[in-house]
Protein backbone atom coordinates (compact mmCIF):
# COMPACT_ATOMS: atom_id res chain seq x y z
CA MET A 1 80.86 40.43 30.07
CA GLY A 2 80.03 40.51 26.48
CA GLY A 3 76.56 40.79 25.02
CA SER A 4 73.86 38.11 25.07
CA VAL A 5 72.30 36.77 22.32
CA GLU A 6 68.60 34.79 22.57
CA VAL A 7 67.37 32.84 19.65
CA SER A 8 63.91 31.73 19.82
CA GLY A 9 61.87 29.51 17.48
CA LEU A 10 64.24 30.76 14.44
CA THR A 11 62.74 29.71 10.81
CA LYS A 12 64.05 30.16 7.52
CA SER A 13 63.14 29.20 3.74
CA TYR A 14 64.05 30.06 0.24
CA GLY A 15 61.22 29.14 -1.89
CA ARG A 16 59.97 25.64 -1.01
CA GLN A 17 63.64 24.61 0.43
CA ASN A 18 63.17 24.64 4.35
CA ILE A 19 67.12 25.31 5.75
CA TRP A 20 66.36 25.01 9.26
CA ARG A 21 63.14 25.32 11.51
CA ASP A 22 62.66 26.47 15.16
CA VAL A 23 65.67 26.66 16.00
CA THR A 24 66.07 28.24 20.00
CA LEU A 25 69.23 28.74 21.80
CA ALA A 26 71.31 31.30 23.39
CA PHE A 27 74.79 32.38 23.79
CA PRO A 28 76.09 32.50 27.27
CA PRO A 29 77.58 36.22 27.49
CA GLY A 30 81.30 36.38 27.21
CA GLU A 31 81.69 32.43 26.53
CA ILE A 32 82.67 31.19 23.07
CA THR A 33 80.33 29.04 21.57
CA ALA A 34 80.81 26.70 18.42
CA LEU A 35 78.25 26.15 15.82
CA LEU A 36 78.97 22.66 13.73
CA GLY A 37 77.05 20.94 11.10
CA PRO A 38 77.56 18.96 7.56
CA SER A 39 78.50 21.05 4.88
CA GLY A 40 74.64 22.97 3.47
CA THR A 41 72.58 22.85 6.51
CA GLY A 42 72.72 26.73 7.08
CA LYS A 43 75.46 27.47 9.82
CA SER A 44 76.44 30.91 7.34
CA VAL A 45 72.70 31.39 6.80
CA PHE A 46 72.45 31.32 10.58
CA LEU A 47 75.02 33.18 11.29
CA LYS A 48 73.95 36.45 9.07
CA SER A 49 70.37 35.67 10.55
CA ILE A 50 71.52 37.00 13.61
CA MET A 51 73.52 39.97 12.22
CA GLY A 52 70.05 40.87 10.59
CA ILE A 53 71.28 40.35 6.80
CA VAL A 54 69.49 37.80 6.39
CA GLU A 55 65.52 38.10 7.16
CA PRO A 56 63.95 34.68 8.74
CA GLU A 57 60.07 34.08 8.77
CA ALA A 58 59.75 33.55 12.05
CA GLY A 59 61.07 33.75 15.32
CA SER A 60 63.03 36.63 17.07
CA ILE A 61 66.63 37.41 17.93
CA LEU A 62 67.02 39.07 20.99
CA VAL A 63 70.41 41.12 20.73
CA ASP A 64 70.87 42.36 24.58
CA GLY A 65 67.00 42.51 24.60
CA GLU A 66 66.48 44.22 21.24
CA ASP A 67 64.81 41.91 18.36
CA MET A 68 66.96 41.80 15.72
CA VAL A 69 64.01 40.11 13.26
CA SER A 70 61.21 42.39 13.98
CA ALA A 71 63.68 46.03 13.93
CA LYS A 72 63.68 48.58 11.49
CA GLU A 73 66.81 48.67 9.23
CA SER A 74 67.86 51.77 10.60
CA GLN A 75 68.07 50.49 13.76
CA ARG A 76 69.92 47.23 12.98
CA LEU A 77 72.40 49.45 11.74
CA GLN A 78 72.77 50.93 15.33
CA MET A 79 72.76 47.18 16.88
CA ARG A 80 75.26 45.80 14.28
CA LYS A 81 77.77 48.35 16.19
CA LYS A 82 77.70 45.81 18.95
CA PHE A 83 79.07 43.41 16.64
CA GLY A 84 82.47 42.75 15.40
CA VAL A 85 82.26 39.95 12.23
CA LEU A 86 85.21 37.89 10.70
CA PHE A 87 83.97 36.59 7.37
CA GLN A 88 85.15 33.35 5.76
CA ASP A 89 87.24 35.51 3.32
CA GLY A 90 88.20 38.34 5.25
CA ALA A 91 85.65 40.47 3.02
CA LEU A 92 88.30 43.38 3.03
CA PHE A 93 87.57 46.38 0.96
CA GLY A 94 89.42 45.93 -2.09
CA SER A 95 90.11 49.60 -2.80
CA MET A 96 91.78 50.17 0.28
CA ASN A 97 94.87 48.81 2.27
CA VAL A 98 94.90 47.16 5.06
CA TYR A 99 95.51 49.93 7.43
CA ASP A 100 92.18 51.62 5.78
CA ASN A 101 90.34 48.49 5.88
CA VAL A 102 91.25 48.16 10.13
CA ALA A 103 90.56 51.89 10.34
CA PHE A 104 87.03 51.95 8.70
CA PRO A 105 85.06 51.27 11.59
CA LEU A 106 86.78 53.81 13.50
CA ARG A 107 86.42 56.66 11.01
CA GLU A 108 82.64 56.01 10.27
CA HIS A 109 81.55 55.98 14.00
CA THR A 110 83.85 57.81 16.29
CA ARG A 111 85.41 61.15 16.49
CA LYS A 112 88.53 60.28 16.83
CA SER A 113 91.68 61.55 15.58
CA GLU A 114 93.77 60.42 13.08
CA SER A 115 97.02 59.73 15.59
CA GLN A 116 94.31 58.05 17.88
CA VAL A 117 92.89 56.07 15.22
CA ARG A 118 96.27 54.92 14.13
CA SER A 119 97.08 53.88 17.97
CA ILE A 120 94.26 51.70 18.30
CA VAL A 121 94.94 50.01 14.55
CA MET A 122 98.69 49.63 14.98
CA GLU A 123 97.62 47.97 18.52
CA LYS A 124 95.41 45.81 16.75
CA LEU A 125 97.76 44.82 13.57
CA GLU A 126 100.41 44.03 16.16
CA MET A 127 97.86 41.63 17.99
CA VAL A 128 97.22 39.51 14.91
CA GLY A 129 100.62 39.93 13.75
CA LEU A 130 100.49 42.05 10.89
CA VAL A 131 102.56 44.59 11.54
CA GLY A 132 104.53 45.92 8.45
CA GLN A 133 101.76 44.73 5.92
CA GLU A 134 99.42 47.70 6.44
CA HIS A 135 100.29 49.38 3.36
CA LYS A 136 99.33 46.65 1.29
CA VAL A 137 95.93 46.18 -0.47
CA PRO A 138 94.22 42.72 -0.23
CA GLY A 139 95.40 41.18 -3.53
CA GLU A 140 98.82 41.40 -2.16
CA ILE A 141 98.21 39.47 0.70
CA SER A 142 97.28 35.60 1.43
CA GLY A 143 94.28 34.20 2.66
CA GLY A 144 95.69 33.71 6.08
CA MET A 145 96.74 37.43 6.55
CA LYS A 146 93.47 38.44 4.93
CA LYS A 147 91.68 36.67 7.89
CA ARG A 148 94.06 38.27 10.51
CA ALA A 149 93.47 41.62 8.89
CA GLY A 150 89.65 41.20 9.14
CA LEU A 151 89.81 39.86 12.77
CA ALA A 152 91.96 42.75 13.60
CA ARG A 153 88.89 45.46 11.81
CA SER A 154 86.34 43.94 14.15
CA LEU A 155 87.91 43.88 17.13
CA VAL A 156 88.77 47.98 16.80
CA THR A 157 85.47 49.16 17.94
CA ASP A 158 85.97 46.96 20.99
CA PRO A 159 82.43 44.96 20.06
CA ASP A 160 80.55 42.64 22.72
CA ILE A 161 79.71 40.29 20.14
CA ILE A 162 82.26 38.64 17.69
CA LEU A 163 80.83 36.18 15.31
CA ILE A 164 83.34 34.44 13.32
CA ASP A 165 82.69 32.25 10.23
CA GLU A 166 84.69 28.94 8.95
CA PRO A 167 88.10 30.56 10.37
CA ASP A 168 89.76 27.60 9.26
CA SER A 169 88.90 28.36 5.71
CA GLY A 170 91.49 28.27 3.39
CA LEU A 171 94.47 27.74 6.32
CA ASP A 172 96.79 25.19 6.80
CA PRO A 173 96.93 23.35 10.16
CA VAL A 174 99.51 25.46 12.07
CA ARG A 175 97.85 28.66 10.89
CA THR A 176 94.47 27.34 12.25
CA SER A 177 95.72 26.43 15.43
CA ASN A 178 97.37 29.89 15.75
CA LEU A 179 94.22 31.71 14.76
CA ALA A 180 92.24 29.70 17.25
CA GLN A 181 94.69 30.30 20.15
CA LEU A 182 94.65 34.11 18.87
CA LEU A 183 90.64 34.05 19.35
CA VAL A 184 91.28 32.53 22.78
CA ASP A 185 93.34 35.30 23.61
CA VAL A 186 91.17 37.71 22.67
CA ASN A 187 88.22 36.23 24.45
CA THR A 188 90.61 36.66 27.54
CA ALA A 189 91.37 40.13 27.06
CA THR A 190 88.00 41.38 26.28
CA ASP A 191 85.56 38.71 27.79
CA ALA A 192 83.42 39.38 24.72
CA THR A 193 80.57 36.89 23.70
CA MET A 194 81.93 34.62 20.74
CA LEU A 195 80.11 32.35 18.06
CA VAL A 196 82.29 30.19 15.84
CA VAL A 197 80.47 28.49 12.75
CA THR A 198 82.82 26.00 11.62
CA HIS A 199 83.18 22.53 10.47
CA ASN A 200 86.92 22.14 11.52
CA ILE A 201 87.07 18.85 14.51
CA GLU A 202 89.84 19.87 16.18
CA LEU A 203 88.84 23.85 16.75
CA ALA A 204 85.59 22.66 17.60
CA ARG A 205 86.90 20.29 20.33
CA THR A 206 89.68 22.41 21.89
CA MET A 207 88.34 26.09 21.75
CA PRO A 208 84.79 26.68 22.69
CA ASP A 209 82.70 26.40 26.02
CA ASN A 210 79.54 25.50 24.42
CA LEU A 211 78.79 23.45 21.37
CA GLY A 212 75.67 23.28 19.16
CA MET A 213 74.72 21.07 15.81
CA LEU A 214 72.85 21.79 12.58
CA TYR A 215 71.71 18.58 10.80
CA ARG A 216 68.46 17.91 8.76
CA ARG A 217 66.79 21.40 9.39
CA GLU A 218 67.18 20.93 13.14
CA LEU A 219 69.35 22.06 15.86
CA VAL A 220 70.10 18.32 16.96
CA MET A 221 72.37 19.19 19.96
CA PHE A 222 73.25 22.22 22.36
CA GLY A 223 74.98 22.36 25.58
CA PRO A 224 78.45 22.83 27.34
CA ARG A 225 81.23 21.60 25.55
CA GLU A 226 81.81 18.40 28.48
CA GLU A 227 78.33 17.28 27.91
CA PHE A 228 78.34 17.62 24.17
CA LEU A 229 81.29 15.71 23.46
CA LEU A 230 80.52 12.77 25.68
CA THR A 231 77.13 12.19 24.44
CA ASP A 232 76.71 8.74 22.23
CA HIS A 233 74.38 10.74 20.06
CA PRO A 234 74.94 8.99 16.73
CA VAL A 235 74.98 12.09 14.42
CA VAL A 236 76.89 14.08 16.59
CA SER A 237 79.31 11.40 17.72
CA GLN A 238 79.78 9.94 13.70
CA PHE A 239 80.02 14.01 12.71
CA MET A 240 83.75 14.52 15.81
CA SER A 241 84.82 11.46 14.60
CA GLY A 242 84.74 11.54 10.95
CA ASP A 243 83.15 8.15 10.40
CA PRO A 244 81.83 7.43 6.77
CA ASP A 245 79.10 5.21 8.18
CA GLY A 246 76.27 6.77 10.29
CA PRO A 247 73.15 8.87 9.80
CA ILE A 248 75.04 11.61 7.89
CA GLY A 249 75.59 10.33 4.45
CA MET A 250 77.09 12.57 1.49
CA SER A 251 74.30 14.85 1.07
CA GLU A 252 71.01 15.54 2.74
CA GLU A 253 68.79 13.32 0.57
CA THR A 254 70.88 10.06 1.94
CA ASP A 255 70.74 11.43 5.89
CA HIS A 256 68.99 9.54 7.82
CA ARG A 257 67.32 10.06 11.34
CA SER A 258 69.54 9.40 14.08
CA SER A 259 66.83 7.32 15.83
CA ASP A 260 67.06 4.79 13.13
CA LEU A 261 70.27 3.62 14.30
CA PHE A 262 68.75 2.52 17.61
CA ASP A 263 67.21 -0.59 18.53
CA GLU A 264 64.88 0.84 20.98
CA PRO A 265 63.05 4.56 21.11
CA VAL A 266 65.48 7.01 22.67
CA ASP A 267 64.48 8.12 26.21
CA TYR A 268 64.08 11.72 26.62
CA SER A 269 63.51 13.57 29.79
CA GLY A 270 64.10 17.18 31.05
CA PRO A 271 62.28 20.04 32.87
CA SER A 272 60.42 22.75 31.18
CA GLY A 273 60.95 21.26 27.55
CA THR A 274 64.55 20.37 27.83
CA ALA A 275 65.17 17.15 26.00
CA LEU A 276 68.28 15.27 27.52
CA MET A 277 69.82 12.66 26.01
CA SER A 278 70.02 9.20 27.89
CA ARG A 279 73.04 6.66 27.46
CA HIS A 280 72.64 3.72 24.78
CA ALA A 281 75.46 1.09 24.32
CA GLY A 282 75.55 0.81 21.08
CA ALA A 283 76.07 4.07 20.16
CA ARG A 284 79.82 5.13 19.59
CA ALA A 285 80.45 7.98 22.18
CA ILE A 286 83.50 10.13 22.62
CA GLU A 287 85.29 8.52 25.59
CA VAL A 288 88.07 11.20 26.45
CA LEU A 289 87.19 14.97 26.71
CA PRO A 290 90.28 16.93 25.36
CA ARG A 291 91.90 19.45 26.86
CA GLN A 292 90.62 22.98 26.30
CA LEU A 293 93.12 25.49 24.48
CA GLU A 294 94.34 28.21 27.28
CA PRO A 295 95.56 31.87 27.01
CA ARG A 296 98.80 32.08 26.22
CA SER A 297 99.20 34.33 29.21
CA GLY A 298 98.26 31.14 31.59
CA GLU A 299 95.32 32.55 33.30
CA VAL A 300 91.99 31.22 33.52
CA ARG A 301 89.54 33.13 30.97
CA PRO A 302 86.63 34.85 32.92
CA ALA A 303 84.11 33.34 30.96
CA GLN A 304 85.83 30.06 31.42
CA ARG A 305 85.65 30.52 35.16
CA ARG A 306 81.86 31.31 34.98
CA HIS A 307 81.23 28.65 32.58
CA ARG A 308 82.68 26.20 35.00
CA GLU A 309 80.49 27.43 38.01
CA ARG A 310 77.44 27.27 35.72
CA VAL A 311 77.61 24.13 34.70
CA ALA A 312 78.69 22.83 38.50
CA ALA A 313 75.45 24.41 39.80
CA GLY A 314 73.26 22.80 36.71
CA GLY A 315 72.23 26.07 35.20
CA ALA A 316 73.86 24.44 31.85
CA ARG A 317 71.64 21.79 30.36
CA LEU A 318 72.27 19.71 27.24
CA TYR A 319 69.51 20.11 24.69
CA VAL A 320 68.75 17.32 22.38
CA ALA A 321 66.12 17.60 19.56
CA ASP A 322 63.39 15.01 19.31
CA ASP A 323 63.99 13.02 16.22
CA ASP A 324 60.18 12.39 15.31
CA GLU A 325 60.16 16.26 15.21
CA ARG A 326 63.08 16.59 12.86
CA ASP A 327 61.01 15.23 9.45
CA ARG A 328 58.24 18.06 9.79
CA VAL A 329 59.60 20.66 7.20
CA ALA A 330 57.71 23.82 7.43
CA GLY A 331 57.00 24.39 3.67
CA VAL A 332 56.90 27.71 2.04
CA PRO A 333 54.94 27.84 -1.41
CA LEU A 334 56.65 28.58 -4.24
CA LEU A 335 55.92 31.94 -5.83
CA GLY A 336 54.69 32.40 -8.96
CA ALA A 337 56.38 34.31 -12.17
CA VAL A 338 54.20 37.01 -11.66
CA SER A 339 54.82 37.02 -7.69
CA ARG A 340 58.12 37.53 -8.33
CA ALA A 341 58.12 39.96 -10.58
CA LEU A 342 56.10 41.87 -8.37
CA THR A 343 58.19 41.69 -5.65
CA VAL A 344 61.49 42.90 -7.73
CA VAL A 345 59.39 45.72 -8.98
CA GLY A 346 58.79 46.53 -5.24
CA ASP A 347 62.54 46.28 -4.08
CA VAL A 348 63.76 48.44 -7.10
CA PHE A 349 60.87 50.93 -6.57
CA ALA A 350 62.06 50.98 -2.44
CA LEU A 351 65.83 51.07 -3.24
CA GLY A 352 64.74 54.26 -5.26
CA LEU A 353 62.54 55.90 -2.60
CA ASP A 354 65.96 54.79 0.00
CA THR A 355 68.18 56.44 -2.41
CA ALA A 356 66.36 59.28 -2.39
CA ARG A 357 65.93 60.02 0.97
CA ALA A 358 69.46 58.85 1.79
CA THR A 359 70.58 61.92 -0.65
CA PHE A 360 69.88 64.01 1.89
CA ARG A 361 71.53 62.57 4.40
CA ARG A 362 75.14 63.19 6.09
CA PRO A 363 78.03 62.25 5.67
CA PHE A 364 78.00 62.18 2.14
CA ALA A 365 80.33 60.59 0.00
CA ALA A 366 81.60 63.56 -2.13
CA ARG A 367 84.69 61.77 -2.93
CA GLU A 368 83.06 58.63 -4.36
CA ALA A 369 80.18 60.68 -6.52
CA LEU A 370 83.05 62.68 -7.84
CA GLU A 371 84.95 59.18 -8.76
CA GLN A 372 81.87 57.79 -10.20
CA PHE A 373 81.08 60.41 -12.29
CA TRP A 374 84.55 60.52 -13.72
CA PHE A 375 84.45 57.37 -14.13
CA VAL A 376 81.03 56.86 -15.80
CA VAL A 377 81.22 59.71 -18.16
CA SER A 378 84.89 58.59 -19.02
CA VAL A 379 83.57 54.87 -20.41
CA SER A 380 80.78 56.34 -21.81
CA TRP A 381 81.01 59.77 -23.70
CA ILE A 382 82.86 58.41 -26.85
CA PRO A 383 80.26 55.55 -27.55
CA ALA A 384 77.63 58.07 -27.00
CA ILE A 385 78.92 60.51 -29.62
CA LEU A 386 79.47 57.40 -32.03
CA VAL A 387 76.00 56.74 -31.12
CA ALA A 388 74.71 60.33 -32.01
CA ILE A 389 75.83 61.01 -35.50
CA PRO A 390 73.84 57.97 -37.09
CA PHE A 391 70.90 58.64 -34.64
CA GLY A 392 70.85 62.32 -36.08
CA ALA A 393 71.58 61.54 -39.86
CA VAL A 394 68.94 58.89 -40.09
CA ILE A 395 66.49 60.79 -38.35
CA ALA A 396 67.05 64.03 -40.76
CA LEU A 397 67.34 61.63 -43.77
CA GLN A 398 64.03 60.11 -42.93
CA LEU A 399 62.29 62.95 -42.06
CA GLY A 400 64.00 64.85 -45.16
CA THR A 401 62.77 62.34 -47.39
CA LEU A 402 58.95 62.77 -45.99
CA THR A 403 58.98 65.91 -46.05
CA VAL A 404 59.91 66.15 -49.75
CA GLN A 405 57.07 63.62 -50.34
CA VAL A 406 54.03 66.12 -48.81
CA GLY A 407 55.66 69.21 -49.81
CA ALA A 408 56.74 70.29 -46.62
CA GLN A 409 60.39 70.63 -46.75
CA SER A 410 60.72 74.01 -44.90
CA PHE A 411 60.04 72.09 -41.61
CA THR A 412 62.45 69.51 -42.09
CA GLY A 413 65.06 71.37 -39.56
CA ALA A 414 62.54 71.42 -36.89
CA ALA A 415 61.39 67.85 -36.91
CA SER A 416 64.51 66.51 -37.10
CA VAL A 417 66.00 68.71 -34.72
CA LEU A 418 63.20 68.54 -31.92
CA ALA A 419 63.08 64.83 -32.61
CA VAL A 420 66.94 64.38 -31.33
CA ILE A 421 66.61 66.75 -28.75
CA GLN A 422 63.58 65.36 -26.94
CA GLN A 423 63.79 61.93 -27.96
CA ALA A 424 66.59 60.87 -29.61
CA ALA A 425 69.44 62.44 -27.11
CA PRO A 426 67.82 61.51 -23.85
CA ILE A 427 67.42 57.81 -25.08
CA VAL A 428 71.11 57.39 -26.75
CA THR A 429 72.82 58.99 -23.66
CA THR A 430 71.00 56.60 -20.74
CA LEU A 431 71.09 53.80 -23.20
CA VAL A 432 74.98 54.16 -23.21
CA VAL A 433 75.36 55.13 -20.02
CA ALA A 434 73.37 52.16 -18.95
CA GLY A 435 75.35 49.99 -21.35
CA ALA A 436 78.85 51.23 -19.88
CA GLY A 437 78.62 52.92 -16.83
CA GLY A 438 75.78 51.06 -15.29
CA ALA A 439 76.99 47.48 -16.33
CA ALA A 440 80.42 48.73 -14.40
CA ILE A 441 78.90 49.83 -11.70
CA CYS A 442 76.52 46.38 -11.43
CA ALA A 443 79.36 44.05 -11.71
CA ASP A 444 81.41 46.33 -9.42
CA LEU A 445 78.44 45.95 -6.40
CA GLY A 446 77.99 42.40 -7.58
CA ALA A 447 81.57 41.47 -7.11
CA ARG A 448 81.59 43.18 -3.50
CA ARG A 449 78.66 41.43 -2.82
CA ILE A 450 80.20 37.60 -3.38
CA ARG A 451 83.20 38.75 -1.39
CA ASP A 452 80.91 39.60 1.72
CA GLU A 453 82.16 43.34 1.27
CA ILE A 454 78.14 44.65 1.29
CA ASP A 455 77.47 42.23 4.27
CA ALA A 456 80.70 43.73 6.19
CA MET A 457 79.61 47.36 5.44
CA ARG A 458 75.97 46.91 7.33
CA VAL A 459 77.53 44.73 9.72
CA MET A 460 79.90 47.81 10.66
CA GLY A 461 76.99 49.81 11.40
CA VAL A 462 77.28 51.49 7.69
CA SER A 463 74.33 51.84 4.86
CA PRO A 464 75.49 50.38 1.69
CA VAL A 465 72.41 52.91 0.31
CA GLN A 466 74.25 55.96 1.33
CA ARG A 467 77.79 55.08 0.85
CA LEU A 468 77.63 53.17 -2.52
CA VAL A 469 74.39 53.48 -3.73
CA VAL A 470 73.71 57.11 -3.72
CA PRO A 471 77.18 58.18 -5.18
CA ARG A 472 76.51 55.56 -8.09
CA VAL A 473 73.06 57.07 -8.84
CA LEU A 474 74.08 60.37 -8.70
CA ALA A 475 76.86 59.90 -10.83
CA CYS A 476 74.60 58.11 -13.74
CA ILE A 477 71.93 61.64 -13.38
CA GLY A 478 75.46 63.91 -13.44
CA ALA A 479 76.63 62.07 -16.73
CA ALA A 480 73.15 61.73 -18.14
CA VAL A 481 72.63 65.47 -18.05
CA LEU A 482 76.48 66.25 -19.14
CA LEU A 483 76.07 63.70 -22.13
CA ASN A 484 72.75 64.51 -22.93
CA GLY A 485 73.78 68.26 -24.30
CA LEU A 486 76.68 66.58 -26.05
CA VAL A 487 74.36 64.16 -27.56
CA SER A 488 72.18 66.92 -28.69
CA VAL A 489 74.62 69.02 -30.31
CA VAL A 490 76.33 66.06 -32.48
CA GLY A 491 72.97 64.67 -33.35
CA VAL A 492 72.05 68.22 -34.36
CA LEU A 493 74.91 68.85 -36.34
CA GLY A 494 74.85 65.36 -37.84
CA GLY A 495 71.34 65.76 -39.07
CA TYR A 496 72.13 69.28 -40.54
CA PHE A 497 75.21 67.82 -42.13
CA PHE A 498 73.30 65.14 -44.10
CA ASN A 499 70.23 67.24 -44.64
CA VAL A 500 71.80 69.86 -46.79
CA ILE A 501 74.97 67.74 -47.91
CA VAL A 502 73.43 64.28 -49.11
CA GLN A 503 69.63 65.60 -49.64
CA GLY A 504 70.58 69.44 -51.10
CA GLY A 505 68.33 70.57 -47.96
CA THR A 506 68.64 74.87 -47.66
CA PRO A 507 70.59 75.95 -44.69
CA GLY A 508 68.95 78.50 -44.21
CA ALA A 509 65.58 76.98 -44.29
CA TYR A 510 66.61 73.99 -42.21
CA LEU A 511 67.69 76.33 -39.26
CA ALA A 512 64.84 78.99 -39.65
CA SER A 513 61.84 76.35 -39.32
CA PHE A 514 63.59 74.71 -35.95
CA THR A 515 63.83 78.75 -34.45
CA ALA A 516 60.19 79.24 -35.95
CA LEU A 517 58.70 76.12 -34.29
CA ALA A 518 60.71 75.28 -30.80
CA GLN A 519 60.31 76.61 -27.76
CA ILE A 520 62.57 76.44 -24.69
CA GLN A 521 60.29 73.66 -23.06
CA ASP A 522 61.48 71.58 -25.65
CA LEU A 523 65.14 71.84 -24.64
CA TRP A 524 63.63 71.60 -21.12
CA VAL A 525 62.02 68.31 -21.86
CA GLY A 526 65.27 66.51 -23.02
CA GLU A 527 67.29 67.58 -19.95
CA MET A 528 63.98 66.52 -17.64
CA LYS A 529 64.22 62.77 -19.34
CA ALA A 530 68.26 62.92 -19.06
CA VAL A 531 67.67 63.02 -15.23
CA ILE A 532 64.83 60.94 -15.03
CA PHE A 533 66.59 58.15 -16.98
CA GLY A 534 69.87 58.75 -15.40
CA PHE A 535 68.55 58.20 -12.08
CA ILE A 536 66.08 54.84 -13.43
CA ALA A 537 69.60 53.61 -15.03
CA GLY A 538 71.61 53.97 -11.51
CA VAL A 539 68.91 52.42 -9.32
CA ILE A 540 68.52 49.34 -11.26
CA ALA A 541 72.35 48.99 -11.56
CA CYS A 542 72.81 49.11 -8.06
CA HIS A 543 69.81 46.79 -7.41
CA ARG A 544 71.02 44.57 -9.33
CA GLY A 545 74.36 44.62 -7.72
CA LEU A 546 72.93 44.49 -4.36
CA ASN A 547 71.04 41.30 -5.01
CA THR A 548 73.70 39.02 -7.64
CA ALA A 549 73.29 35.49 -6.72
CA PRO A 550 76.75 33.72 -5.53
CA GLY A 551 79.58 33.52 -8.09
CA PRO A 552 80.64 34.70 -11.30
CA LYS A 553 77.88 33.36 -13.27
CA GLY A 554 75.60 35.40 -10.66
CA VAL A 555 77.48 38.59 -11.56
CA GLY A 556 76.91 38.19 -14.96
CA ASP A 557 73.43 37.52 -15.01
CA SER A 558 73.22 40.75 -12.84
CA VAL A 559 74.84 42.55 -15.41
CA ASN A 560 72.87 41.52 -17.92
CA GLN A 561 69.51 41.93 -16.23
CA SER A 562 70.30 45.18 -15.39
CA VAL A 563 71.04 46.29 -18.63
CA VAL A 564 68.08 44.62 -20.36
CA VAL A 565 65.32 45.74 -17.40
CA THR A 566 67.06 49.20 -17.83
CA PHE A 567 66.46 49.27 -21.51
CA LEU A 568 63.10 48.09 -20.80
CA MET A 569 62.12 50.91 -18.53
CA LEU A 570 63.74 53.44 -20.57
CA PHE A 571 61.23 53.24 -23.20
CA PHE A 572 58.06 52.86 -21.24
CA VAL A 573 59.04 55.87 -19.23
CA ASN A 574 60.10 57.71 -22.21
CA PHE A 575 56.29 56.68 -23.77
CA VAL A 576 54.65 58.12 -20.68
CA ILE A 577 56.53 61.30 -20.38
CA THR A 578 56.15 62.46 -24.04
CA THR A 579 52.58 61.59 -23.62
CA LEU A 580 52.23 63.40 -21.13
CA TYR A 581 54.11 66.35 -22.43
CA LEU A 582 52.37 66.90 -25.72
CA GLN A 583 49.09 66.56 -23.72
CA LEU A 584 50.03 69.01 -21.16
CA VAL A 585 52.66 71.75 -23.42
CA PRO A 586 50.94 73.42 -26.67
CA GLY A 587 52.98 73.50 -29.39
CA LYS A 588 54.32 77.12 -30.27
CA GLY A 589 51.48 78.50 -32.42
CA ALA A 590 48.89 76.65 -31.53
């Protein structure tokens, strides 16, 4: 029998907008439950709350007795291994083919040999009808194939709980029916607890054992399919019939309380606070109970048998929310700009600490780190050189002019070279790394975020910090250190050339002043800054990518924010480091 999920008093808001409040229900183990509701009622948010990806303000979610809400992230990663999740668009990893996508959970969490992995993967691909397509990447297959591949991936670890978000999205009616039949067959074979979030009426009428509906920030009804579909509740009746006339309007602002359609108050009664709907003659009710989907094998699903016994014994009762309670919205005060800024700073700092800790955990994504390092260097080294030449030239020309005016031409080399090594090289290097490599990292993670790849990774019990953030931050650090040395050399040579050729400086004096006044610490401080700046650039780019708002605009905004914030942070941190260095390390000859 599948795992148990018990939701109690769950409340979620974004700013002042309450999504839903005080939601309480339990998914009968092994049975299929469908959650319905008009668009924008927070069905997908509810699903992600069960996964532990979205954190509600109040309530609890007990998964086999463990609370997902109060658990630490490390505990959630373990609890999520009980889940198999089919995301709305499949959430396949774009860099992997179908086979590797399906094999991913097995390779991450088991010690199975590659032959065993192949056997399981091909079995699941055959189940969903994708044998022969395993070599294709997600961009080469249709939306329906992506969903079936996502379903295969969710089944390879034999999960106790399967969560399915909008299985009919983007599919034609025939493929929707085939997928529904496939889900019924999967439930028959695995006896896993299944929750399907949908607004497909036909699927909701024929597939699940239990039905629930979210409306106006409440769970308005939840219970056995037999009672749910025969109710005369106006909201449920209108939604299930698709009638334009009723309490559900075009938007939530035009929705009405269901009791507004009754000529007299609704009578609620029931033991232990359970509300039962009385029949009203004026309400439209679904008069015929549609036939439920049966497994292709013709046998009765174990969950269906238990469900019928539970209903016959009176253990399954229909819950209906009180309309008078529905308009009481749980308000969350609007955070001010300062509070939001402090929250973001705290989140960035926390991600930095998590990255530092995860660097020393195993397994380490060495291949990913090397690929990211090569990518960041490849897109940064030419711009870094092109920027380093004028930087070194401007510093040498400016200092050369100044030293001539004060009669200290012999110190031109020391001043310009130290300025390049200590200040210009680390700043130039990291600005280029952040502007080229960091922006690309942010865009990549942001695109993964809006395709649900990040959430899919979390659900499979894989830490995105360890798998994605650590390799990219280390790549930024390594690229910053390497390019810092390159920029230092190019900047010094550029300064030397313009000072000697353009300003007529003495080559020997330029080099002699540098060797006379420079210290080995001056070289190390530049590399130390490169390490710190590279870390900052990588963490900020990853943070903005992981917290991207939905849509292409969200990705673009995140990229812009990551570059701007990194630039501001670099100049501030550079000031702090330089001040401390000058105070703590005395100059040569002092």
